[in-house]
Amino acid sequence: MFQKYFFIVNYLLIILVGITYLNKIKQSLPLKLFMWFLVYSLLTEIMGTYFAFYAKINTAVIYNTWVIISYLFYSFLFFSMIKNKIKRKVIFGITLSYLLYEIINTLFYQNYLTDVYAYSAILNKIFLVIIILMYFSELLKSDAILNIKESMAFWISLGVFIYSIGFIPVFVIAKFIEYKGIFRYVTFGLNIIMSLCFITGFIISKKEYN
C-alpha cells in the first residue's frame, strides 16, 4: 500500500507546502511554472497508479511523456537562471541533442506507447547534472552566493542534482543486473531527499531572492 501511493502522497505534500508559501514565488514566472510542473507530476502519478494497479494498462506512454517534459522543464528553469551566454548556448545545444535522440529512438528503436525509455532516463539525468553544474558554477561567481539559502532556485537545483547523481548508477545497476529491489528503495530515498529540498526551499526562501 505504501509503495503504491508513495509518489502521490509525496507530490501532494510538496504542493500543499508550496501553496502555503506561494506568495514568495508568485513574482517569478519560472518558479510559478515549477508549481504547475509539480501539479502535472502529481496527475501523472495518479494516472500511472490507476492504470497500473486498477485498469491493468501499460503506463509506458504516461511516464515516457513525464520524463521528456521533466527534462524540458528543468532545462528551461536553469536556462532562465543562467546569464552567461556561452552556458545558455550549451544548454540549448544539449536540449536539442536530447530531443533529437528521443525522435530517433521513437522512430527506429522503441515504441513510445509500450516501451520504457530506460536509456532516455539515464541520458536525461546526465544532461541535467551538466546543466546544474553550470548553474552552480555561475552562482559561485556571483553575489547571489551570499544569500544562496534564501533562493528557491538553489533548493530546487540541489534536490534535482542529488536525485540525478544518485539515480544514474542505481538505474544502471538495476537495468543490467536486474536487481529491481535496490532501484525501488533507493528511488524512494532519493525522492524523499529531493522533496525535502523543495519543501525547505519553500519554507526558508525569501521573496526578494526569488
N, C-alpha and C. Protein backbone atom coordinates (compact mmCIF):
# COMPACT_ATOMS: atom_id res chain seq x y z
N MET A 1 0.83 -1.21 0.00
CA MET A 1 0.00 0.00 0.00
C MET A 1 0.87 1.26 0.00
N PHE A 2 1.93 1.25 0.85
CA PHE A 2 2.82 2.41 0.93
C PHE A 2 3.49 2.67 -0.41
N GLN A 3 4.01 1.61 -1.03
CA GLN A 3 4.70 1.76 -2.30
C GLN A 3 3.76 2.25 -3.39
N LYS A 4 2.53 1.76 -3.36
CA LYS A 4 1.56 2.11 -4.40
C LYS A 4 1.25 3.60 -4.42
N TYR A 5 1.13 4.21 -3.24
CA TYR A 5 0.69 5.60 -3.18
C TYR A 5 1.81 6.57 -2.75
N PHE A 6 3.02 6.06 -2.64
CA PHE A 6 4.13 6.89 -2.15
C PHE A 6 4.30 8.17 -2.95
N PHE A 7 4.37 8.05 -4.28
CA PHE A 7 4.67 9.22 -5.11
C PHE A 7 3.51 10.21 -5.13
N ILE A 8 2.29 9.71 -5.04
CA ILE A 8 1.13 10.60 -4.99
C ILE A 8 1.17 11.44 -3.71
N VAL A 9 1.38 10.77 -2.58
CA VAL A 9 1.46 11.48 -1.30
C VAL A 9 2.64 12.44 -1.29
N ASN A 10 3.74 12.01 -1.88
CA ASN A 10 4.95 12.81 -1.92
C ASN A 10 4.72 14.14 -2.64
N TYR A 11 4.17 14.06 -3.85
CA TYR A 11 3.91 15.28 -4.62
C TYR A 11 2.82 16.14 -3.97
N LEU A 12 1.82 15.49 -3.42
CA LEU A 12 0.75 16.23 -2.76
C LEU A 12 1.28 17.06 -1.60
N LEU A 13 2.19 16.49 -0.83
CA LEU A 13 2.78 17.19 0.30
C LEU A 13 3.57 18.41 -0.17
N ILE A 14 4.40 18.23 -1.21
CA ILE A 14 5.19 19.36 -1.73
C ILE A 14 4.28 20.47 -2.21
N ILE A 15 3.22 20.09 -2.94
CA ILE A 15 2.30 21.09 -3.48
C ILE A 15 1.60 21.86 -2.36
N LEU A 16 1.17 21.18 -1.33
CA LEU A 16 0.49 21.85 -0.21
C LEU A 16 1.42 22.84 0.48
N VAL A 17 2.67 22.45 0.67
CA VAL A 17 3.65 23.38 1.27
C VAL A 17 3.89 24.55 0.32
N GLY A 18 3.99 24.25 -0.98
CA GLY A 18 4.20 25.30 -1.97
C GLY A 18 3.07 26.31 -1.99
N ILE A 19 1.84 25.82 -1.91
CA ILE A 19 0.67 26.72 -1.89
C ILE A 19 0.71 27.60 -0.64
N THR A 20 1.12 27.03 0.48
CA THR A 20 1.21 27.79 1.74
C THR A 20 2.16 28.98 1.61
N TYR A 21 3.25 28.78 0.85
CA TYR A 21 4.26 29.83 0.71
C TYR A 21 4.28 30.41 -0.70
N LEU A 22 3.14 30.34 -1.37
CA LEU A 22 3.05 30.77 -2.77
C LEU A 22 3.43 32.24 -2.96
N ASN A 23 3.17 33.05 -1.96
CA ASN A 23 3.46 34.48 -2.06
C ASN A 23 4.94 34.75 -2.31
N LYS A 24 5.80 33.82 -1.89
CA LYS A 24 7.25 34.03 -2.04
C LYS A 24 7.72 33.89 -3.49
N ILE A 25 6.97 33.16 -4.31
CA ILE A 25 7.45 32.88 -5.66
C ILE A 25 6.56 33.44 -6.76
N LYS A 26 5.47 34.10 -6.38
CA LYS A 26 4.49 34.48 -7.39
C LYS A 26 4.98 35.54 -8.36
N GLN A 27 6.10 36.24 -8.02
CA GLN A 27 6.63 37.25 -8.93
C GLN A 27 7.60 36.65 -9.94
N SER A 28 7.89 35.35 -9.82
CA SER A 28 8.85 34.68 -10.72
C SER A 28 8.11 33.69 -11.61
N LEU A 29 8.14 33.92 -12.92
CA LEU A 29 7.47 33.01 -13.86
C LEU A 29 8.04 31.59 -13.81
N PRO A 30 9.37 31.41 -13.84
CA PRO A 30 9.90 30.05 -13.77
C PRO A 30 9.47 29.30 -12.50
N LEU A 31 9.43 30.00 -11.36
CA LEU A 31 9.05 29.34 -10.12
C LEU A 31 7.55 29.06 -10.06
N LYS A 32 6.75 29.92 -10.67
CA LYS A 32 5.31 29.64 -10.77
C LYS A 32 5.08 28.43 -11.67
N LEU A 33 5.87 28.33 -12.74
CA LEU A 33 5.77 27.17 -13.61
C LEU A 33 6.21 25.91 -12.88
N PHE A 34 7.14 26.06 -11.93
CA PHE A 34 7.56 24.93 -11.12
C PHE A 34 6.38 24.35 -10.34
N MET A 35 5.53 25.22 -9.83
CA MET A 35 4.34 24.76 -9.13
C MET A 35 3.42 23.97 -10.07
N TRP A 36 3.25 24.47 -11.27
CA TRP A 36 2.40 23.77 -12.24
C TRP A 36 3.04 22.45 -12.66
N PHE A 37 4.37 22.42 -12.72
CA PHE A 37 5.06 21.17 -13.03
C PHE A 37 4.82 20.14 -11.93
N LEU A 38 4.80 20.58 -10.69
CA LEU A 38 4.51 19.67 -9.57
C LEU A 38 3.09 19.12 -9.68
N VAL A 39 2.15 19.98 -10.08
CA VAL A 39 0.76 19.53 -10.26
C VAL A 39 0.69 18.50 -11.38
N TYR A 40 1.40 18.78 -12.47
CA TYR A 40 1.44 17.82 -13.58
C TYR A 40 2.05 16.49 -13.13
N SER A 41 3.10 16.55 -12.32
CA SER A 41 3.73 15.33 -11.80
C SER A 41 2.77 14.55 -10.92
N LEU A 42 2.00 15.26 -10.10
CA LEU A 42 1.00 14.60 -9.26
C LEU A 42 -0.04 13.90 -10.11
N LEU A 43 -0.54 14.57 -11.14
CA LEU A 43 -1.54 13.97 -12.02
C LEU A 43 -0.96 12.76 -12.75
N THR A 44 0.32 12.86 -13.11
CA THR A 44 0.99 11.73 -13.76
C THR A 44 0.99 10.51 -12.85
N GLU A 45 1.32 10.72 -11.58
CA GLU A 45 1.37 9.60 -10.64
C GLU A 45 -0.02 9.04 -10.35
N ILE A 46 -1.02 9.90 -10.31
CA ILE A 46 -2.39 9.43 -10.09
C ILE A 46 -2.83 8.55 -11.27
N MET A 47 -2.60 9.04 -12.50
CA MET A 47 -2.96 8.26 -13.68
C MET A 47 -2.15 6.97 -13.76
N GLY A 48 -0.84 7.09 -13.50
CA GLY A 48 0.02 5.91 -13.56
C GLY A 48 -0.40 4.84 -12.57
N THR A 49 -0.73 5.26 -11.36
CA THR A 49 -1.17 4.31 -10.33
C THR A 49 -2.49 3.65 -10.71
N TYR A 50 -3.42 4.45 -11.21
CA TYR A 50 -4.72 3.90 -11.59
C TYR A 50 -4.58 2.89 -12.72
N PHE A 51 -3.88 3.27 -13.79
CA PHE A 51 -3.76 2.39 -14.94
C PHE A 51 -2.95 1.13 -14.62
N ALA A 52 -1.91 1.27 -13.78
CA ALA A 52 -1.05 0.13 -13.48
C ALA A 52 -1.71 -0.88 -12.54
N PHE A 53 -2.37 -0.36 -11.48
CA PHE A 53 -2.87 -1.27 -10.44
C PHE A 53 -4.35 -1.61 -10.56
N TYR A 54 -5.12 -0.76 -11.23
CA TYR A 54 -6.56 -1.00 -11.29
C TYR A 54 -7.05 -1.33 -12.70
N ALA A 55 -6.65 -0.51 -13.68
CA ALA A 55 -7.09 -0.78 -15.05
C ALA A 55 -6.20 -1.82 -15.74
N LYS A 56 -5.02 -2.09 -15.15
CA LYS A 56 -4.07 -3.06 -15.71
C LYS A 56 -3.69 -2.70 -17.14
N ILE A 57 -3.37 -1.42 -17.36
CA ILE A 57 -2.99 -0.92 -18.68
C ILE A 57 -1.52 -0.49 -18.64
N ASN A 58 -0.82 -0.74 -19.73
CA ASN A 58 0.59 -0.33 -19.83
C ASN A 58 0.72 1.18 -19.62
N THR A 59 1.62 1.58 -18.73
CA THR A 59 1.75 3.00 -18.39
C THR A 59 2.97 3.66 -19.02
N ALA A 60 3.61 2.98 -19.96
CA ALA A 60 4.85 3.50 -20.55
C ALA A 60 4.67 4.90 -21.14
N VAL A 61 3.58 5.11 -21.87
CA VAL A 61 3.38 6.41 -22.52
C VAL A 61 3.26 7.53 -21.49
N ILE A 62 2.65 7.25 -20.36
CA ILE A 62 2.48 8.25 -19.31
C ILE A 62 3.82 8.68 -18.75
N TYR A 63 4.66 7.70 -18.42
CA TYR A 63 5.94 8.02 -17.79
C TYR A 63 7.00 8.45 -18.81
N ASN A 64 6.93 7.94 -20.03
CA ASN A 64 7.84 8.43 -21.07
C ASN A 64 7.61 9.91 -21.33
N THR A 65 6.34 10.30 -21.34
CA THR A 65 5.99 11.71 -21.53
C THR A 65 6.49 12.55 -20.36
N TRP A 66 6.33 12.03 -19.14
CA TRP A 66 6.79 12.77 -17.97
C TRP A 66 8.30 12.96 -18.00
N VAL A 67 9.03 11.93 -18.39
CA VAL A 67 10.49 12.01 -18.44
C VAL A 67 10.94 13.13 -19.38
N ILE A 68 10.32 13.20 -20.54
CA ILE A 68 10.68 14.23 -21.52
C ILE A 68 10.29 15.62 -21.04
N ILE A 69 9.08 15.77 -20.54
CA ILE A 69 8.61 17.08 -20.08
C ILE A 69 9.40 17.54 -18.86
N SER A 70 9.75 16.61 -17.97
CA SER A 70 10.53 17.00 -16.79
C SER A 70 11.88 17.54 -17.19
N TYR A 71 12.52 16.90 -18.17
CA TYR A 71 13.81 17.41 -18.63
C TYR A 71 13.65 18.79 -19.26
N LEU A 72 12.66 18.93 -20.13
CA LEU A 72 12.44 20.22 -20.80
C LEU A 72 12.15 21.32 -19.78
N PHE A 73 11.37 20.98 -18.75
CA PHE A 73 11.06 21.99 -17.74
C PHE A 73 12.31 22.42 -16.98
N TYR A 74 13.06 21.45 -16.47
CA TYR A 74 14.23 21.80 -15.67
C TYR A 74 15.31 22.49 -16.50
N SER A 75 15.46 22.09 -17.76
CA SER A 75 16.44 22.77 -18.61
C SER A 75 16.01 24.22 -18.84
N PHE A 76 14.70 24.44 -19.02
CA PHE A 76 14.19 25.82 -19.16
C PHE A 76 14.40 26.61 -17.86
N LEU A 77 14.14 25.96 -16.73
CA LEU A 77 14.28 26.64 -15.44
C LEU A 77 15.70 27.16 -15.25
N PHE A 78 16.68 26.29 -15.47
CA PHE A 78 18.06 26.70 -15.24
C PHE A 78 18.58 27.59 -16.36
N PHE A 79 18.06 27.40 -17.56
CA PHE A 79 18.39 28.31 -18.66
C PHE A 79 17.98 29.73 -18.31
N SER A 80 16.80 29.86 -17.67
CA SER A 80 16.30 31.18 -17.31
C SER A 80 17.09 31.79 -16.15
N MET A 81 17.75 30.95 -15.34
CA MET A 81 18.51 31.44 -14.20
C MET A 81 19.96 31.79 -14.57
N ILE A 82 20.46 31.19 -15.63
CA ILE A 82 21.86 31.40 -16.04
C ILE A 82 21.95 32.60 -16.97
N LYS A 83 22.91 33.45 -16.73
CA LYS A 83 23.08 34.67 -17.53
C LYS A 83 24.18 34.54 -18.57
N ASN A 84 25.17 33.69 -18.30
CA ASN A 84 26.30 33.54 -19.21
C ASN A 84 25.83 33.02 -20.57
N LYS A 85 26.17 33.75 -21.64
CA LYS A 85 25.67 33.42 -22.97
C LYS A 85 26.20 32.09 -23.48
N ILE A 86 27.47 31.80 -23.18
CA ILE A 86 28.05 30.54 -23.64
C ILE A 86 27.35 29.36 -22.98
N LYS A 87 27.11 29.47 -21.68
CA LYS A 87 26.43 28.39 -20.96
C LYS A 87 25.00 28.22 -21.45
N ARG A 88 24.35 29.31 -21.78
CA ARG A 88 22.99 29.23 -22.31
C ARG A 88 22.97 28.52 -23.66
N LYS A 89 23.99 28.78 -24.47
CA LYS A 89 24.10 28.10 -25.77
C LYS A 89 24.36 26.61 -25.58
N VAL A 90 25.17 26.27 -24.57
CA VAL A 90 25.44 24.86 -24.28
C VAL A 90 24.15 24.16 -23.88
N ILE A 91 23.36 24.80 -23.00
CA ILE A 91 22.08 24.22 -22.57
C ILE A 91 21.16 24.02 -23.77
N PHE A 92 21.12 25.02 -24.64
CA PHE A 92 20.27 24.94 -25.83
C PHE A 92 20.72 23.77 -26.71
N GLY A 93 22.04 23.63 -26.89
CA GLY A 93 22.57 22.54 -27.71
C GLY A 93 22.31 21.18 -27.10
N ILE A 94 22.48 21.07 -25.79
CA ILE A 94 22.22 19.81 -25.09
C ILE A 94 20.76 19.41 -25.24
N THR A 95 19.89 20.38 -25.09
CA THR A 95 18.45 20.11 -25.19
C THR A 95 18.06 19.66 -26.59
N LEU A 96 18.62 20.31 -27.61
CA LEU A 96 18.35 19.88 -28.99
C LEU A 96 18.85 18.45 -29.22
N SER A 97 20.03 18.15 -28.67
CA SER A 97 20.59 16.80 -28.82
C SER A 97 19.69 15.77 -28.15
N TYR A 98 19.17 16.14 -26.97
CA TYR A 98 18.29 15.22 -26.24
C TYR A 98 17.01 14.97 -27.04
N LEU A 99 16.41 16.02 -27.58
CA LEU A 99 15.18 15.87 -28.35
C LEU A 99 15.43 15.06 -29.63
N LEU A 100 16.59 15.28 -30.26
CA LEU A 100 16.93 14.53 -31.46
C LEU A 100 17.06 13.04 -31.13
N TYR A 101 17.70 12.75 -29.99
CA TYR A 101 17.82 11.36 -29.55
C TYR A 101 16.44 10.74 -29.35
N GLU A 102 15.53 11.47 -28.71
CA GLU A 102 14.19 10.95 -28.46
C GLU A 102 13.45 10.67 -29.76
N ILE A 103 13.59 11.55 -30.72
CA ILE A 103 12.92 11.38 -32.01
C ILE A 103 13.45 10.14 -32.73
N ILE A 104 14.79 10.01 -32.79
CA ILE A 104 15.40 8.87 -33.46
C ILE A 104 15.04 7.56 -32.76
N ASN A 105 15.09 7.60 -31.43
CA ASN A 105 14.77 6.41 -30.65
C ASN A 105 13.33 5.96 -30.90
N THR A 106 12.41 6.93 -30.96
CA THR A 106 11.00 6.62 -31.17
C THR A 106 10.72 6.13 -32.58
N LEU A 107 11.39 6.73 -33.56
CA LEU A 107 11.13 6.36 -34.96
C LEU A 107 11.73 5.01 -35.34
N PHE A 108 12.88 4.66 -34.75
CA PHE A 108 13.60 3.49 -35.25
C PHE A 108 13.85 2.37 -34.23
N TYR A 109 13.74 2.66 -32.94
CA TYR A 109 14.18 1.66 -31.98
C TYR A 109 13.11 1.21 -30.97
N GLN A 110 12.36 2.13 -30.41
CA GLN A 110 11.41 1.75 -29.37
C GLN A 110 10.01 2.29 -29.67
N ASN A 111 9.04 1.63 -29.07
CA ASN A 111 7.65 2.04 -29.20
C ASN A 111 7.30 2.96 -28.04
N TYR A 112 6.99 4.21 -28.36
CA TYR A 112 6.71 5.21 -27.33
C TYR A 112 5.53 4.82 -26.45
N LEU A 113 4.60 4.07 -27.00
CA LEU A 113 3.37 3.75 -26.28
C LEU A 113 3.51 2.56 -25.34
N THR A 114 4.49 1.70 -25.61
CA THR A 114 4.57 0.46 -24.82
C THR A 114 5.93 0.20 -24.16
N ASP A 115 7.00 0.79 -24.67
CA ASP A 115 8.34 0.51 -24.14
C ASP A 115 8.78 1.56 -23.13
N VAL A 116 9.43 1.12 -22.08
CA VAL A 116 10.01 2.05 -21.10
C VAL A 116 11.32 2.58 -21.67
N TYR A 117 11.45 3.89 -21.72
CA TYR A 117 12.65 4.51 -22.29
C TYR A 117 13.76 4.59 -21.24
N ALA A 118 14.40 3.45 -20.99
CA ALA A 118 15.40 3.36 -19.94
C ALA A 118 16.62 4.22 -20.23
N TYR A 119 17.17 4.09 -21.44
CA TYR A 119 18.37 4.85 -21.78
C TYR A 119 18.08 6.34 -21.86
N SER A 120 16.87 6.67 -22.22
CA SER A 120 16.45 8.08 -22.24
C SER A 120 16.49 8.67 -20.84
N ALA A 121 16.05 7.88 -19.86
CA ALA A 121 16.06 8.35 -18.47
C ALA A 121 17.48 8.61 -17.99
N ILE A 122 18.41 7.72 -18.37
CA ILE A 122 19.81 7.89 -17.97
C ILE A 122 20.40 9.14 -18.63
N LEU A 123 20.18 9.28 -19.93
CA LEU A 123 20.69 10.44 -20.66
C LEU A 123 20.11 11.73 -20.10
N ASN A 124 18.84 11.68 -19.79
CA ASN A 124 18.13 12.81 -19.18
C ASN A 124 18.86 13.30 -17.93
N LYS A 125 19.18 12.38 -17.04
CA LYS A 125 19.81 12.74 -15.77
C LYS A 125 21.24 13.22 -15.96
N ILE A 126 21.97 12.63 -16.90
CA ILE A 126 23.34 13.08 -17.17
C ILE A 126 23.33 14.52 -17.65
N PHE A 127 22.43 14.84 -18.57
CA PHE A 127 22.34 16.21 -19.08
C PHE A 127 21.93 17.19 -17.98
N LEU A 128 21.02 16.76 -17.11
CA LEU A 128 20.60 17.64 -16.02
C LEU A 128 21.75 17.92 -15.06
N VAL A 129 22.56 16.91 -14.78
CA VAL A 129 23.73 17.11 -13.91
C VAL A 129 24.67 18.15 -14.52
N ILE A 130 24.91 18.06 -15.83
CA ILE A 130 25.77 19.01 -16.51
C ILE A 130 25.20 20.43 -16.42
N ILE A 131 23.90 20.56 -16.66
CA ILE A 131 23.25 21.88 -16.63
C ILE A 131 23.30 22.47 -15.22
N ILE A 132 23.02 21.66 -14.21
CA ILE A 132 23.02 22.17 -12.84
C ILE A 132 24.42 22.54 -12.39
N LEU A 133 25.43 21.80 -12.82
CA LEU A 133 26.82 22.16 -12.50
C LEU A 133 27.16 23.52 -13.11
N MET A 134 26.66 23.80 -14.29
CA MET A 134 26.87 25.12 -14.89
C MET A 134 26.18 26.20 -14.07
N TYR A 135 24.99 25.89 -13.58
CA TYR A 135 24.26 26.83 -12.73
C TYR A 135 25.03 27.08 -11.43
N PHE A 136 25.54 26.01 -10.82
CA PHE A 136 26.32 26.16 -9.58
C PHE A 136 27.58 26.99 -9.82
N SER A 137 28.25 26.76 -10.94
CA SER A 137 29.48 27.50 -11.22
C SER A 137 29.21 28.99 -11.39
N GLU A 138 28.04 29.32 -11.95
CA GLU A 138 27.68 30.73 -12.08
C GLU A 138 27.32 31.33 -10.73
N LEU A 139 26.66 30.55 -9.88
CA LEU A 139 26.34 31.02 -8.53
C LEU A 139 27.61 31.38 -7.75
N LEU A 140 28.63 30.54 -7.88
CA LEU A 140 29.87 30.74 -7.13
C LEU A 140 30.58 32.03 -7.53
N LYS A 141 30.32 32.51 -8.75
CA LYS A 141 30.99 33.71 -9.24
C LYS A 141 30.13 34.96 -9.11
N SER A 142 28.95 34.83 -8.48
CA SER A 142 28.04 35.97 -8.37
C SER A 142 27.77 36.33 -6.91
N ASP A 143 27.18 37.48 -6.71
CA ASP A 143 26.82 37.92 -5.35
C ASP A 143 25.69 37.09 -4.78
N ALA A 144 24.98 36.34 -5.65
CA ALA A 144 23.85 35.52 -5.19
C ALA A 144 24.30 34.45 -4.21
N ILE A 145 25.59 34.11 -4.24
CA ILE A 145 26.11 33.08 -3.34
C ILE A 145 25.98 33.51 -1.88
N LEU A 146 25.94 34.82 -1.64
CA LEU A 146 25.85 35.33 -0.28
C LEU A 146 24.49 35.04 0.36
N ASN A 147 23.47 34.88 -0.47
CA ASN A 147 22.12 34.62 0.03
C ASN A 147 21.56 33.33 -0.56
N ILE A 148 22.43 32.39 -0.77
CA ILE A 148 22.05 31.18 -1.51
C ILE A 148 20.95 30.39 -0.81
N LYS A 149 20.95 30.38 0.53
CA LYS A 149 19.94 29.62 1.27
C LYS A 149 18.56 30.23 1.16
N GLU A 150 18.50 31.51 0.80
CA GLU A 150 17.20 32.19 0.68
C GLU A 150 16.63 32.09 -0.73
N SER A 151 17.30 31.35 -1.61
CA SER A 151 16.85 31.23 -3.00
C SER A 151 16.14 29.91 -3.25
N MET A 152 14.92 29.96 -3.71
CA MET A 152 14.16 28.76 -4.03
C MET A 152 14.82 28.00 -5.17
N ALA A 153 15.38 28.73 -6.14
CA ALA A 153 16.03 28.09 -7.28
C ALA A 153 17.20 27.21 -6.82
N PHE A 154 17.92 27.66 -5.80
CA PHE A 154 19.04 26.86 -5.30
C PHE A 154 18.54 25.54 -4.73
N TRP A 155 17.48 25.58 -3.94
CA TRP A 155 16.97 24.37 -3.31
C TRP A 155 16.40 23.40 -4.35
N ILE A 156 15.80 23.95 -5.40
CA ILE A 156 15.33 23.09 -6.49
C ILE A 156 16.52 22.42 -7.17
N SER A 157 17.55 23.23 -7.46
CA SER A 157 18.73 22.68 -8.14
C SER A 157 19.43 21.64 -7.27
N LEU A 158 19.50 21.88 -5.98
CA LEU A 158 20.15 20.93 -5.07
C LEU A 158 19.39 19.60 -5.05
N GLY A 159 18.07 19.69 -4.94
CA GLY A 159 17.25 18.48 -4.91
C GLY A 159 17.36 17.67 -6.19
N VAL A 160 17.25 18.34 -7.33
CA VAL A 160 17.32 17.66 -8.62
C VAL A 160 18.73 17.09 -8.84
N PHE A 161 19.75 17.82 -8.40
CA PHE A 161 21.13 17.36 -8.57
C PHE A 161 21.38 16.08 -7.77
N ILE A 162 20.99 16.09 -6.51
CA ILE A 162 21.18 14.90 -5.66
C ILE A 162 20.42 13.71 -6.24
N TYR A 163 19.18 13.95 -6.65
CA TYR A 163 18.38 12.87 -7.24
C TYR A 163 19.05 12.31 -8.49
N SER A 164 19.49 13.19 -9.38
CA SER A 164 20.07 12.77 -10.65
C SER A 164 21.38 12.02 -10.45
N ILE A 165 22.24 12.55 -9.57
CA ILE A 165 23.52 11.91 -9.28
C ILE A 165 23.31 10.50 -8.70
N GLY A 166 22.33 10.36 -7.83
CA GLY A 166 22.04 9.06 -7.22
C GLY A 166 21.34 8.12 -8.17
N PHE A 167 20.50 8.68 -9.05
CA PHE A 167 19.68 7.88 -9.96
C PHE A 167 20.52 7.13 -10.98
N ILE A 168 21.53 7.80 -11.54
CA ILE A 168 22.29 7.23 -12.67
C ILE A 168 22.92 5.87 -12.33
N PRO A 169 23.77 5.77 -11.30
CA PRO A 169 24.40 4.46 -11.03
C PRO A 169 23.39 3.39 -10.58
N VAL A 170 22.39 3.81 -9.79
CA VAL A 170 21.40 2.84 -9.30
C VAL A 170 20.56 2.30 -10.45
N PHE A 171 20.18 3.16 -11.38
CA PHE A 171 19.39 2.74 -12.53
C PHE A 171 20.19 1.79 -13.40
N VAL A 172 21.46 2.12 -13.62
CA VAL A 172 22.32 1.26 -14.45
C VAL A 172 22.45 -0.12 -13.81
N ILE A 173 22.67 -0.16 -12.49
CA ILE A 173 22.80 -1.43 -11.78
C ILE A 173 21.50 -2.25 -11.90
N ALA A 174 20.37 -1.58 -11.67
CA ALA A 174 19.08 -2.27 -11.74
C ALA A 174 18.79 -2.77 -13.15
N LYS A 175 19.23 -2.00 -14.15
CA LYS A 175 18.97 -2.35 -15.55
C LYS A 175 19.78 -3.56 -15.99
N PHE A 176 21.05 -3.59 -15.61
CA PHE A 176 21.93 -4.60 -16.16
C PHE A 176 22.08 -5.85 -15.30
N ILE A 177 21.85 -5.75 -14.01
CA ILE A 177 21.91 -6.97 -13.21
C ILE A 177 20.51 -7.41 -12.77
N GLU A 178 19.51 -6.61 -13.21
CA GLU A 178 18.11 -6.94 -12.97
C GLU A 178 17.78 -7.14 -11.49
N TYR A 179 18.35 -6.28 -10.69
CA TYR A 179 18.02 -6.31 -9.26
C TYR A 179 17.10 -5.13 -8.97
N LYS A 180 15.81 -5.36 -9.15
CA LYS A 180 14.83 -4.27 -9.10
C LYS A 180 14.62 -3.72 -7.69
N GLY A 181 14.86 -4.55 -6.68
CA GLY A 181 14.61 -4.12 -5.32
C GLY A 181 15.43 -2.91 -4.93
N ILE A 182 16.72 -2.93 -5.25
CA ILE A 182 17.59 -1.81 -4.89
C ILE A 182 17.16 -0.54 -5.58
N PHE A 183 16.71 -0.65 -6.83
CA PHE A 183 16.26 0.53 -7.57
C PHE A 183 15.03 1.14 -6.92
N ARG A 184 14.10 0.29 -6.53
CA ARG A 184 12.85 0.78 -5.94
C ARG A 184 13.10 1.53 -4.64
N TYR A 185 13.88 0.93 -3.75
CA TYR A 185 14.05 1.54 -2.43
C TYR A 185 14.99 2.74 -2.46
N VAL A 186 16.01 2.69 -3.28
CA VAL A 186 16.89 3.85 -3.39
C VAL A 186 16.14 5.01 -4.04
N THR A 187 15.27 4.68 -5.01
CA THR A 187 14.46 5.73 -5.64
C THR A 187 13.55 6.40 -4.62
N PHE A 188 12.96 5.62 -3.73
CA PHE A 188 12.16 6.21 -2.66
C PHE A 188 13.01 7.18 -1.84
N GLY A 189 14.22 6.73 -1.47
CA GLY A 189 15.09 7.57 -0.66
C GLY A 189 15.49 8.85 -1.38
N LEU A 190 15.84 8.73 -2.66
CA LEU A 190 16.24 9.91 -3.44
C LEU A 190 15.07 10.88 -3.59
N ASN A 191 13.87 10.35 -3.78
CA ASN A 191 12.70 11.22 -3.89
C ASN A 191 12.41 11.94 -2.58
N ILE A 192 12.62 11.26 -1.47
CA ILE A 192 12.41 11.91 -0.18
C ILE A 192 13.40 13.05 0.01
N ILE A 193 14.67 12.81 -0.34
CA ILE A 193 15.69 13.86 -0.22
C ILE A 193 15.34 15.04 -1.11
N MET A 194 14.97 14.77 -2.35
CA MET A 194 14.62 15.84 -3.28
C MET A 194 13.40 16.61 -2.76
N SER A 195 12.42 15.90 -2.26
CA SER A 195 11.21 16.55 -1.73
C SER A 195 11.54 17.44 -0.53
N LEU A 196 12.43 16.96 0.33
CA LEU A 196 12.83 17.76 1.49
C LEU A 196 13.54 19.03 1.05
N CYS A 197 14.32 18.95 -0.02
CA CYS A 197 14.97 20.15 -0.56
C CYS A 197 13.93 21.15 -1.06
N PHE A 198 12.94 20.65 -1.81
CA PHE A 198 11.89 21.53 -2.32
C PHE A 198 11.12 22.19 -1.16
N ILE A 199 10.74 21.37 -0.19
CA ILE A 199 9.97 21.88 0.95
C ILE A 199 10.78 22.89 1.75
N THR A 200 12.06 22.58 1.96
CA THR A 200 12.94 23.52 2.68
C THR A 200 13.02 24.84 1.94
N GLY A 201 13.13 24.76 0.61
CA GLY A 201 13.18 25.98 -0.19
C GLY A 201 11.93 26.82 -0.04
N PHE A 202 10.77 26.18 -0.09
CA PHE A 202 9.52 26.93 0.08
C PHE A 202 9.47 27.61 1.46
N ILE A 203 9.96 26.92 2.47
CA ILE A 203 9.85 27.44 3.84
C ILE A 203 10.86 28.55 4.14
N ILE A 204 12.13 28.37 3.77
CA ILE A 204 13.15 29.33 4.20
C ILE A 204 13.58 30.33 3.14
N SER A 205 13.15 30.13 1.88
CA SER A 205 13.50 31.11 0.87
C SER A 205 12.76 32.43 1.14
N LYS A 206 13.31 33.50 0.58
CA LYS A 206 12.72 34.82 0.77
C LYS A 206 12.30 35.41 -0.56
N LYS A 207 11.21 36.14 -0.51
CA LYS A 207 10.62 36.68 -1.74
C LYS A 207 11.61 37.50 -2.55
N GLU A 208 12.44 38.31 -1.88
CA GLU A 208 13.36 39.19 -2.60
C GLU A 208 14.48 38.46 -3.32
N TYR A 209 14.72 37.19 -2.97
CA TYR A 209 15.77 36.40 -3.63
C TYR A 209 15.20 35.37 -4.60
N ASN A 210 13.89 35.44 -4.81
CA ASN A 210 13.25 34.54 -5.76
C ASN A 210 12.90 35.27 -7.06
